[in-house]
Protein backbone atom coordinates (compact mmCIF):
# COMPACT_ATOMS: atom_id res chain seq x y z
CA MET A 1 260.44 -22.94 41.69
CA PHE A 2 261.72 -26.55 41.55
CA THR A 3 259.08 -29.78 41.62
CA PRO A 4 259.77 -31.81 44.76
CA ALA A 5 261.27 -34.14 42.22
CA GLU A 6 264.29 -31.71 41.46
CA GLN A 7 264.72 -30.34 45.47
CA THR A 8 267.19 -32.12 47.83
CA PRO A 9 266.73 -30.84 51.41
CA GLU A 10 270.06 -32.68 52.60
CA LEU A 11 272.14 -31.17 50.24
CA ALA A 12 274.21 -28.74 52.77
CA GLY A 13 275.10 -32.35 54.15
CA LYS A 14 276.00 -33.62 50.91
CA LEU A 15 278.27 -31.00 50.13
CA SER A 16 281.97 -31.16 50.87
CA GLU A 17 283.81 -28.84 53.01
CA ALA A 18 285.58 -27.48 49.76
CA GLU A 19 282.59 -26.78 47.72
CA ARG A 20 280.86 -25.22 50.51
CA ALA A 21 283.85 -22.63 51.21
CA GLY A 22 283.85 -22.60 46.90
CA ILE A 23 279.94 -21.45 47.12
CA ILE A 24 280.62 -18.93 49.65
CA ALA A 25 283.54 -17.37 47.95
CA TRP A 26 281.17 -17.26 44.67
CA MET A 27 278.27 -15.55 46.93
CA LEU A 28 281.12 -12.80 48.40
CA GLU A 29 282.32 -12.28 45.47
CA GLY A 30 278.44 -11.58 43.73
CA GLY A 31 278.25 -9.27 46.93
CA ARG A 32 281.84 -7.57 46.54
CA ARG A 33 280.66 -6.93 42.57
CA ALA A 34 277.25 -5.32 43.36
CA LEU A 35 278.53 -3.29 46.19
CA ALA A 36 281.49 -1.92 43.19
CA GLN A 37 279.07 -1.60 40.67
CA GLY A 38 276.51 0.33 42.96
CA ARG A 39 273.91 -2.76 41.49
CA TYR A 40 273.39 -6.26 40.77
CA THR A 41 274.57 -6.96 36.76
CA ILE A 42 270.66 -8.26 35.24
CA PRO A 43 270.94 -11.23 32.54
CA ASP A 44 269.58 -10.08 28.94
CA SER A 45 267.31 -12.88 29.60
CA SER A 46 265.47 -11.46 33.26
CA ALA A 47 265.41 -7.90 31.48
CA ALA A 48 263.56 -9.91 28.54
CA ASP A 49 261.19 -11.36 31.73
CA VAL A 50 260.46 -8.04 33.47
CA GLU A 51 259.95 -6.26 30.04
CA ARG A 52 257.33 -9.14 29.04
CA TRP A 53 256.14 -8.56 32.30
CA ARG A 54 255.88 -4.83 32.17
CA GLU A 55 253.94 -4.90 28.89
CA SER A 56 251.51 -6.88 30.15
CA ALA A 57 250.92 -5.62 33.29
CA ASP A 58 250.25 -2.45 30.86
CA SER A 59 246.94 -2.14 29.67
CA VAL A 60 247.08 1.10 28.22
CA SER A 61 250.09 -0.08 26.21
CA MET A 62 248.32 -3.60 25.38
CA PHE A 63 245.57 -1.47 24.49
CA CYS A 64 247.44 0.55 21.73
CA LYS A 65 249.37 -2.59 20.71
CA ALA A 66 246.19 -4.37 20.06
CA LYS A 67 243.63 -1.51 18.99
CA THR A 68 245.47 1.56 17.36
CA GLN A 69 247.81 2.26 14.68
CA PRO A 70 249.81 5.92 14.13
CA ALA A 71 247.87 8.41 12.48
CA ALA A 72 248.38 9.01 8.74
CA THR A 73 247.94 13.02 9.55
CA GLU A 74 246.43 15.69 11.41
CA ALA A 75 243.18 15.05 10.72
CA ASP A 76 243.48 11.71 11.52
CA ARG A 77 244.38 11.92 14.57
CA ASP A 78 241.53 10.73 17.26
CA ARG A 79 240.04 12.70 20.06
CA ALA A 80 240.97 12.00 23.51
CA GLY A 81 237.89 11.45 24.46
CA GLU A 82 236.85 8.71 22.46
CA LEU A 83 240.14 7.27 22.36
CA TYR A 84 239.63 6.75 25.70
CA ALA A 85 235.80 5.57 26.13
CA ALA A 86 237.06 2.98 23.38
CA TYR A 87 240.49 2.11 25.67
CA LYS A 88 237.54 1.50 28.62
CA LEU A 89 235.31 -1.40 26.68
CA TRP A 90 238.50 -2.66 25.35
CA ALA A 91 239.93 -2.92 29.14
CA ALA A 92 236.25 -4.50 30.09
CA ASP A 93 235.93 -6.57 27.35
CA ASN A 94 239.17 -7.99 28.49
CA LYS A 95 239.09 -8.24 32.24
CA TYR A 96 241.28 -5.79 33.07
CA MET A 97 240.65 -2.73 35.18
CA ALA A 98 240.69 0.78 33.24
CA VAL A 99 242.93 3.36 34.28
CA ALA A 100 241.85 6.67 35.17
CA SER A 101 241.18 9.01 32.04
CA ARG A 102 244.47 11.42 33.82
CA LYS A 103 246.51 8.20 34.42
CA PHE A 104 245.63 6.97 30.51
CA ALA A 105 246.91 10.33 29.27
CA ASP A 106 249.86 10.05 31.47
CA ARG A 107 251.20 6.21 30.18
CA MET A 108 250.30 7.42 26.43
CA ALA A 109 253.06 10.74 26.97
CA LEU A 110 255.18 7.93 28.54
CA LEU A 111 254.65 5.84 25.11
CA GLY A 112 255.39 8.65 23.46
CA LYS A 113 252.11 8.83 22.42
CA GLY A 114 250.68 11.94 24.00
CA SER A 115 248.26 14.47 23.33
CA LYS A 116 248.15 17.75 21.35
CA HIS A 117 245.10 20.13 20.80
CA CYS A 118 244.32 20.21 17.29
CA ARG A 119 241.43 22.27 15.70
CA ASP A 120 238.70 21.82 18.35
CA SER A 121 240.22 19.11 20.96
CA GLU A 122 243.14 17.29 22.49
CA ARG A 123 243.78 14.71 20.14
CA TYR A 124 246.23 11.65 20.11
CA PRO A 125 248.66 11.04 17.35
CA VAL A 126 247.04 7.39 17.14
CA THR A 127 243.69 6.33 15.03
CA LEU A 128 241.60 3.12 16.44
CA ILE A 129 242.10 0.86 13.84
CA ARG A 130 237.96 -0.32 12.66
CA THR A 131 236.82 -3.65 12.60
CA ALA A 132 234.05 -4.71 10.41
CA TRP A 133 231.39 -6.06 12.60
């Protein structure tokens, strides 16, 4: 967005015929390229912004980054129910709406942290980072 001071509402009237023709040619070339590629070219800077937005919109990913670490051994893996309960508390503390347990499991799997059955329960390949109160 441009601030009012940065805007030039009468810009079209200030452009010469050659400038307008150049802008239209540039637009048409961009459209032709997008059609030929079957998609738009996403600049690296935009891709990075989208990734930051995606991470900030994913409470499960943020929880994992903030509150878990890889489990050192099978025995260290946290039970699915315990990890989900900790996630719900974290989400409430951070003013996020917690996702349902099934969605939590799906997101964990997409993050490469899917659960598996170990000994007596489903467990995730992470452990909570325990902090002293």
